[in-house]
C-alpha cells in the first residue's frame, strides 16, 4: 500500500551537514504528521522532529537550532536538513508517517520507513 523510503544518509565529519529525504509512495490521499526518529545501537528509538500537514514543527532539544524538518505535500516527501553534526548524532534515522489516508483504506494508518544510516566521525 504505502512505502516510505529514506535516502541521503552516509558519513559526515563533525560540524558537517547532511540532508535526509523520505519519499512516500502509494495511493496516498493525505498524511497528517510526518517525523524523523533515530536509534543508536543499544538505545531506544527517539524522536528527532515532526511536522504537520500545515507546517507546524516540533523538535527534540538535541535537534533544536541544528536540524530543520520540512515537507513537500504535493510530492509526499519529507526532509531533514542536519547541520553542525556531532558524533552523538550517529544513528539509524527513520521516517514516520502518521494519519495516512489512502484511496483503498477505510481508516488512517501509521507507516515507518526502513531507515538510513547516519555516521558522524572524523
Protein backbone atom coordinates (compact mmCIF):
# COMPACT_ATOMS: atom_id res chain seq x y z
CA UNK A 1 0.00 0.00 0.00
CA UNK A 2 2.28 2.73 1.30
CA UNK A 3 6.04 2.66 1.30
CA UNK A 4 8.44 5.12 2.89
CA UNK A 5 11.97 5.17 1.56
CA UNK A 6 14.69 7.20 3.25
CA UNK A 7 17.77 8.43 1.48
CA UNK A 8 20.64 10.84 1.98
CA UNK A 9 22.36 9.14 4.86
CA UNK A 10 26.05 8.50 4.94
CA UNK A 11 29.27 9.64 6.51
CA UNK A 12 29.82 13.18 7.70
CA UNK A 13 32.58 14.86 9.63
CA UNK A 14 31.88 16.62 12.92
CA UNK A 15 30.47 20.02 12.09
CA UNK A 16 29.33 18.83 8.69
CA UNK A 17 25.89 18.61 7.14
CA UNK A 18 23.58 16.02 5.61
CA UNK A 19 20.15 16.24 4.05
CA UNK A 20 17.82 13.31 4.51
CA UNK A 21 14.82 12.65 2.33
CA UNK A 22 11.83 10.38 2.78
CA UNK A 23 9.65 9.62 -0.20
CA UNK A 24 6.20 8.22 0.45
CA UNK A 25 4.61 6.27 -2.36
CA UNK A 26 1.27 4.60 -2.89
CA UNK A 27 -2.30 5.71 -3.38
CA UNK A 28 -1.93 8.41 -0.76
CA UNK A 29 -4.70 10.88 -0.24
CA UNK A 30 -3.16 12.72 2.70
CA UNK A 31 -0.65 12.43 5.53
CA UNK A 32 -1.35 14.19 8.79
CA UNK A 33 2.01 14.24 10.56
CA UNK A 34 5.44 13.16 9.40
CA UNK A 35 8.51 12.85 11.51
CA UNK A 36 12.08 11.73 11.87
CA UNK A 37 13.21 9.35 14.56
CA UNK A 38 16.60 7.86 15.24
CA UNK A 39 18.01 4.88 17.04
CA UNK A 40 21.58 4.29 18.08
CA UNK A 41 22.88 0.82 19.00
CA UNK A 42 21.73 -0.17 22.47
CA UNK A 43 19.36 2.76 22.77
CA UNK A 44 15.66 3.29 22.35
CA UNK A 45 14.30 4.94 19.27
CA UNK A 46 13.82 8.64 19.92
CA UNK A 47 12.01 11.48 18.27
CA UNK A 48 14.08 13.97 16.33
CA UNK A 49 11.45 16.23 14.78
CA UNK A 50 7.88 16.21 13.49
CA UNK A 51 5.91 18.36 11.12
CA UNK A 52 2.18 18.53 10.50
CA UNK A 53 0.41 18.87 7.19
CA UNK A 54 0.05 22.59 7.88
CA UNK A 55 3.73 23.01 8.65
CA UNK A 56 3.79 23.13 12.45
CA UNK A 57 7.08 21.73 13.69
CA UNK A 58 8.34 20.18 16.86
CA UNK A 59 11.96 19.37 17.67
CA UNK A 60 13.78 17.37 20.26
CA UNK A 61 16.07 19.51 22.38
CA UNK A 62 19.07 17.82 20.81
CA UNK A 63 17.93 18.92 17.36
CA UNK A 64 16.87 22.49 18.01
CA UNK A 65 19.00 25.04 16.24
CA UNK A 66 20.82 22.43 14.19
CA UNK A 67 18.20 20.45 12.30
CA UNK A 68 15.37 21.66 10.11
CA UNK A 69 12.42 19.50 9.16
CA UNK A 70 10.29 20.27 6.13
CA UNK A 71 7.87 18.58 3.77
CA UNK A 72 6.50 18.86 0.29
CA UNK A 73 2.86 17.83 0.46
CA UNK A 74 2.48 17.70 -3.30
CA UNK A 75 5.29 15.16 -3.54
CA UNK A 76 4.56 13.44 -0.22
CA UNK A 77 8.20 13.89 0.65
CA UNK A 78 9.80 14.66 3.99
CA UNK A 79 13.19 16.25 4.54
CA UNK A 80 15.62 16.74 7.36
CA UNK A 81 18.44 19.21 6.95
CA UNK A 82 21.10 18.43 9.51
CA UNK A 83 23.90 20.84 10.29
CA UNK A 84 26.63 21.04 12.90
CA UNK A 85 26.62 17.27 13.12
CA UNK A 86 28.28 15.63 16.08
CA UNK A 87 29.30 12.03 16.79
CA UNK A 88 26.30 11.64 19.09
CA UNK A 89 24.07 12.13 16.05
CA UNK A 90 25.26 8.78 14.73
CA UNK A 91 22.23 6.53 14.39
CA UNK A 92 19.79 4.96 12.00
CA UNK A 93 17.27 7.61 11.05
CA UNK A 94 13.70 6.52 10.41
CA UNK A 95 10.90 8.28 8.64
CA UNK A 96 7.41 8.04 10.09
CA UNK A 97 4.07 8.98 8.59
CA UNK A 98 1.09 9.29 10.91
CA UNK A 99 -2.54 9.57 9.91
CA UNK A 100 -2.01 8.29 6.39
CA UNK A 101 -5.15 8.12 4.31
CA UNK A 102 -5.12 6.11 1.09
CA UNK A 103 -7.70 5.70 -1.60
CA UNK A 104 -8.13 2.00 -0.79
CA UNK A 105 -8.14 2.09 3.02
CA UNK A 106 -11.12 2.62 5.28
CA UNK A 107 -9.11 4.26 8.04
CA UNK A 108 -5.89 6.06 8.83
CA UNK A 109 -2.64 4.14 9.30
CA UNK A 110 0.89 4.74 10.52
CA UNK A 111 3.88 3.75 8.43
CA UNK A 112 7.61 3.52 9.05
CA UNK A 113 10.50 3.54 6.65
CA UNK A 114 13.38 1.09 6.80
CA UNK A 115 15.86 3.70 7.94
CA UNK A 116 19.04 5.26 6.66
CA UNK A 117 22.39 5.18 8.44
CA UNK A 118 23.99 8.43 9.51
CA UNK A 119 27.54 8.23 10.79
CA UNK A 120 29.40 11.24 12.12
CA UNK A 121 33.09 10.61 12.54
CA UNK A 122 36.42 12.18 11.79
